[in-house]
């Protein structure tokens, strides 16, 4: 199973931190894991085209621009996955809260393009997500009350279901409990079939 696999979650769930532990634990187990951060790749593509946006401003772009960028990033992810011999993980959002509403982070065209094998949703308690966002001074995140976080978590699951149907794969939900990102990473590695090598 080389992937690519999708590890997603709404802002504040700590998915990127968890992906870092997946990479680290995989290496310790002798499994090469390549984590491709969707947002970072999108920024690189934007910068090459002459647009210089702050990371958290991207989701405020028009839906048309975001959809076009998603296609370009999907092409880049598919190409990177072909060039890598280990497991490729795409660190992405399942849903993007735009000015027009919730946009799927992965369209049907994108899914058919790089054929991910397993969508993983990283979640956390709404109160914890809200707290993490308030403490993250390195990012210009939207203020999130628990009610809006619950709504976003719900839409993330709602969108994950059809994605799983399109690629004929299960959806794995992993809870990133406070102070336990390594445990969440181990759950992901178990889903990928390499957990026995991590112990």
Protein backbone atom coordinates (compact mmCIF):
# COMPACT_ATOMS: atom_id res chain seq x y z
CA UNK A 1 0.00 0.00 0.00
CA UNK A 2 1.91 3.04 -1.25
CA UNK A 3 -1.02 5.43 -1.40
CA UNK A 4 -1.49 8.23 -1.78
CA UNK A 5 -3.51 8.33 1.43
CA UNK A 6 -5.44 11.38 2.59
CA UNK A 7 -5.08 12.63 6.16
CA UNK A 8 -7.53 15.46 6.64
CA UNK A 9 -9.16 17.49 9.35
CA UNK A 10 -10.57 20.95 9.92
CA UNK A 11 -8.17 23.73 11.02
CA UNK A 12 -7.12 23.22 14.63
CA UNK A 13 -7.41 19.43 14.81
CA UNK A 14 -3.63 19.12 14.73
CA UNK A 15 -3.54 16.97 11.59
CA UNK A 16 -0.20 18.40 10.41
CA UNK A 17 1.36 17.67 13.81
CA UNK A 18 -0.05 14.15 13.67
CA UNK A 19 1.32 13.70 10.12
CA UNK A 20 4.74 14.70 11.44
CA UNK A 21 4.57 11.87 13.98
CA UNK A 22 3.36 9.45 11.29
CA UNK A 23 6.48 10.30 9.26
CA UNK A 24 8.76 10.03 12.30
CA UNK A 25 7.32 6.74 13.58
CA UNK A 26 7.28 5.29 10.10
CA UNK A 27 10.98 6.08 9.67
CA UNK A 28 11.72 4.48 13.05
CA UNK A 29 9.90 1.37 11.83
CA UNK A 30 11.88 1.30 8.59
CA UNK A 31 8.97 2.51 6.45
CA UNK A 32 9.59 5.53 4.23
CA UNK A 33 6.66 7.95 4.45
CA UNK A 34 6.38 11.07 2.34
CA UNK A 35 3.93 13.67 3.69
CA UNK A 36 2.80 16.22 1.11
CA UNK A 37 1.12 19.24 2.66
CA UNK A 38 -1.68 20.36 0.35
CA UNK A 39 -1.63 23.98 1.53
CA UNK A 40 2.15 24.29 1.17
CA UNK A 41 2.00 22.87 -2.35
CA UNK A 42 -0.83 25.24 -3.26
CA UNK A 43 1.20 28.21 -1.98
CA UNK A 44 4.19 27.14 -4.09
CA UNK A 45 2.02 26.92 -7.21
CA UNK A 46 0.48 30.32 -6.49
CA UNK A 47 3.88 31.92 -5.98
CA UNK A 48 5.16 30.50 -9.27
CA UNK A 49 2.19 32.13 -10.98
CA UNK A 50 3.07 35.49 -9.40
CA UNK A 51 0.46 35.49 -6.64
CA UNK A 52 1.76 35.90 -3.10
CA UNK A 53 -0.93 35.12 -0.56
CA UNK A 54 -0.67 34.52 3.16
CA UNK A 55 -1.48 30.86 3.85
CA UNK A 56 -4.80 31.35 5.65
CA UNK A 57 -5.98 33.86 3.04
CA UNK A 58 -6.17 31.20 0.31
CA UNK A 59 -9.56 29.91 1.43
CA UNK A 60 -10.96 33.43 1.02
CA UNK A 61 -10.27 33.25 -2.72
CA UNK A 62 -13.21 32.68 -5.05
CA UNK A 63 -14.58 29.14 -5.30
CA UNK A 64 -13.62 29.11 -8.99
CA UNK A 65 -9.97 29.94 -8.23
CA UNK A 66 -9.83 27.42 -5.38
CA UNK A 67 -11.31 24.67 -7.56
CA UNK A 68 -8.76 25.39 -10.30
CA UNK A 69 -5.95 25.33 -7.76
CA UNK A 70 -7.21 22.01 -6.37
CA UNK A 71 -6.87 20.44 -9.81
CA UNK A 72 -3.32 21.71 -10.17
CA UNK A 73 -2.36 20.47 -6.71
CA UNK A 74 -3.97 17.07 -7.39
CA UNK A 75 -1.84 16.74 -10.53
CA UNK A 76 1.29 17.64 -8.55
CA UNK A 77 0.43 15.16 -5.75
CA UNK A 78 -0.17 12.36 -8.27
CA UNK A 79 3.20 13.06 -9.89
CA UNK A 80 5.07 13.19 -6.57
CA UNK A 81 3.43 9.92 -5.46
CA UNK A 82 4.66 8.18 -8.64
CA UNK A 83 8.24 9.31 -7.97
CA UNK A 84 8.29 8.09 -4.35
CA UNK A 85 8.90 4.43 -3.42
CA UNK A 86 7.40 4.54 0.09
CA UNK A 87 4.00 5.55 1.41
CA UNK A 88 2.67 8.93 0.26
CA UNK A 89 0.31 10.84 2.55
CA UNK A 90 -1.57 13.95 1.49
CA UNK A 91 -2.11 16.33 4.41
CA UNK A 92 -5.25 18.15 3.31
CA UNK A 93 -8.66 19.52 4.28
CA UNK A 94 -11.74 17.43 3.57
CA UNK A 95 -13.77 20.63 3.45
CA UNK A 96 -12.98 24.33 3.08
CA UNK A 97 -15.18 26.95 4.71
CA UNK A 98 -15.44 29.58 1.94
CA UNK A 99 -17.49 32.77 1.72
CA UNK A 100 -20.08 30.85 -0.34
CA UNK A 101 -20.26 27.82 1.96
CA UNK A 102 -18.45 24.54 2.42
CA UNK A 103 -16.35 23.47 -0.55
CA UNK A 104 -15.16 19.85 -0.81
CA UNK A 105 -11.39 19.72 -0.43
CA UNK A 106 -11.30 16.89 -2.97
CA UNK A 107 -13.54 16.93 -6.03
CA UNK A 108 -14.56 13.78 -7.93
CA UNK A 109 -12.09 14.75 -10.68
CA UNK A 110 -9.28 15.10 -8.15
CA UNK A 111 -10.10 11.73 -6.57
CA UNK A 112 -10.10 9.95 -9.92
CA UNK A 113 -6.82 11.65 -10.81
CA UNK A 114 -4.69 10.39 -7.92
CA UNK A 115 -6.84 7.50 -6.62
CA UNK A 116 -6.21 7.80 -2.86
CA UNK A 117 -6.57 4.49 -1.03
CA UNK A 118 -7.79 5.60 2.39
CA UNK A 119 -9.29 8.86 3.68
CA UNK A 120 -8.40 9.51 7.33
CA UNK A 121 -10.24 12.18 9.30
CA UNK A 122 -8.30 13.62 12.24
CA UNK A 123 -10.69 15.08 14.78
CA UNK A 124 -10.62 16.54 18.29
CA UNK A 125 -13.10 17.83 20.82
CA UNK A 126 -14.67 21.13 19.63
CA UNK A 127 -13.55 22.90 22.82
CA UNK A 128 -9.97 21.73 22.20
CA UNK A 129 -10.01 22.86 18.57
CA UNK A 130 -11.33 26.27 19.55
CA UNK A 131 -8.64 26.58 22.23
CA UNK A 132 -5.86 25.56 19.80
CA UNK A 133 -6.95 28.17 17.27
CA UNK A 134 -6.93 30.92 19.87
CA UNK A 135 -3.40 29.96 20.95
CA UNK A 136 -1.96 29.65 17.42
CA UNK A 137 -0.29 33.03 16.97
CA UNK A 138 1.71 31.85 13.93
CA UNK A 139 -1.42 31.59 11.79
CA UNK A 140 -4.22 34.02 10.90
CA UNK A 141 -6.98 31.58 11.70
CA UNK A 142 -10.64 32.51 11.90
CA UNK A 143 -12.02 32.85 15.40
CA UNK A 144 -13.89 29.64 16.16
CA UNK A 145 -16.61 29.22 18.77
CA UNK A 146 -17.50 25.64 19.64
CA UNK A 147 -20.80 25.77 17.73
CA UNK A 148 -19.09 26.68 14.45
CA UNK A 149 -16.41 24.04 15.07
CA UNK A 150 -19.09 21.37 15.54
CA UNK A 151 -20.70 22.43 12.27
CA UNK A 152 -17.39 22.24 10.42
CA UNK A 153 -16.62 18.80 11.89
CA UNK A 154 -20.05 17.60 10.74
CA UNK A 155 -19.55 18.87 7.19
CA UNK A 156 -16.13 17.24 7.09
CA UNK A 157 -17.71 13.86 7.83
CA UNK A 158 -20.58 14.50 5.42
CA UNK A 159 -18.11 15.14 2.59
CA UNK A 160 -15.83 12.23 3.55
CA UNK A 161 -18.65 9.73 2.95
CA UNK A 162 -19.15 10.40 -0.79
CA UNK A 163 -15.35 10.56 -1.26
CA UNK A 164 -15.08 7.05 0.19
CA UNK A 165 -17.89 5.83 -2.10
CA UNK A 166 -16.14 7.25 -5.17
CA UNK A 167 -12.86 5.47 -4.41
CA UNK A 168 -14.44 2.33 -2.86
CA UNK A 169 -12.56 2.76 0.41
CA UNK A 170 -13.39 2.97 4.12
CA UNK A 171 -13.09 6.21 6.09
CA UNK A 172 -10.90 6.05 9.20
CA UNK A 173 -11.68 8.54 12.00
CA UNK A 174 -8.79 9.24 14.38
CA UNK A 175 -9.17 11.38 17.49
CA UNK A 176 -6.19 13.59 18.29
CA UNK A 177 -6.68 13.94 22.04
CA UNK A 178 -4.97 16.76 23.89
CA UNK A 179 -1.26 16.05 24.25
CA UNK A 180 -1.47 12.70 22.44
CA UNK A 181 -0.64 13.29 18.74
CA UNK A 182 1.73 10.32 18.77
CA UNK A 183 -1.15 7.99 19.70
CA UNK A 184 -3.20 9.41 16.84
CA UNK A 185 -0.26 8.80 14.50
CA UNK A 186 -0.02 5.19 15.66
CA UNK A 187 -3.71 4.71 14.84
CA UNK A 188 -3.06 5.95 11.31
CA UNK A 189 -0.06 3.65 10.92
CA UNK A 190 -2.22 0.75 12.12
CA UNK A 191 -4.76 1.60 9.40
CA UNK A 192 -1.90 1.58 6.88
CA UNK A 193 -0.81 -1.84 8.11
CA UNK A 194 2.59 -0.89 9.58
CA UNK A 195 1.79 -0.45 13.28
CA UNK A 196 3.33 -3.79 14.24
CA UNK A 197 6.68 -2.38 13.13
CA UNK A 198 6.36 0.71 15.32
CA UNK A 199 6.32 -1.07 18.63
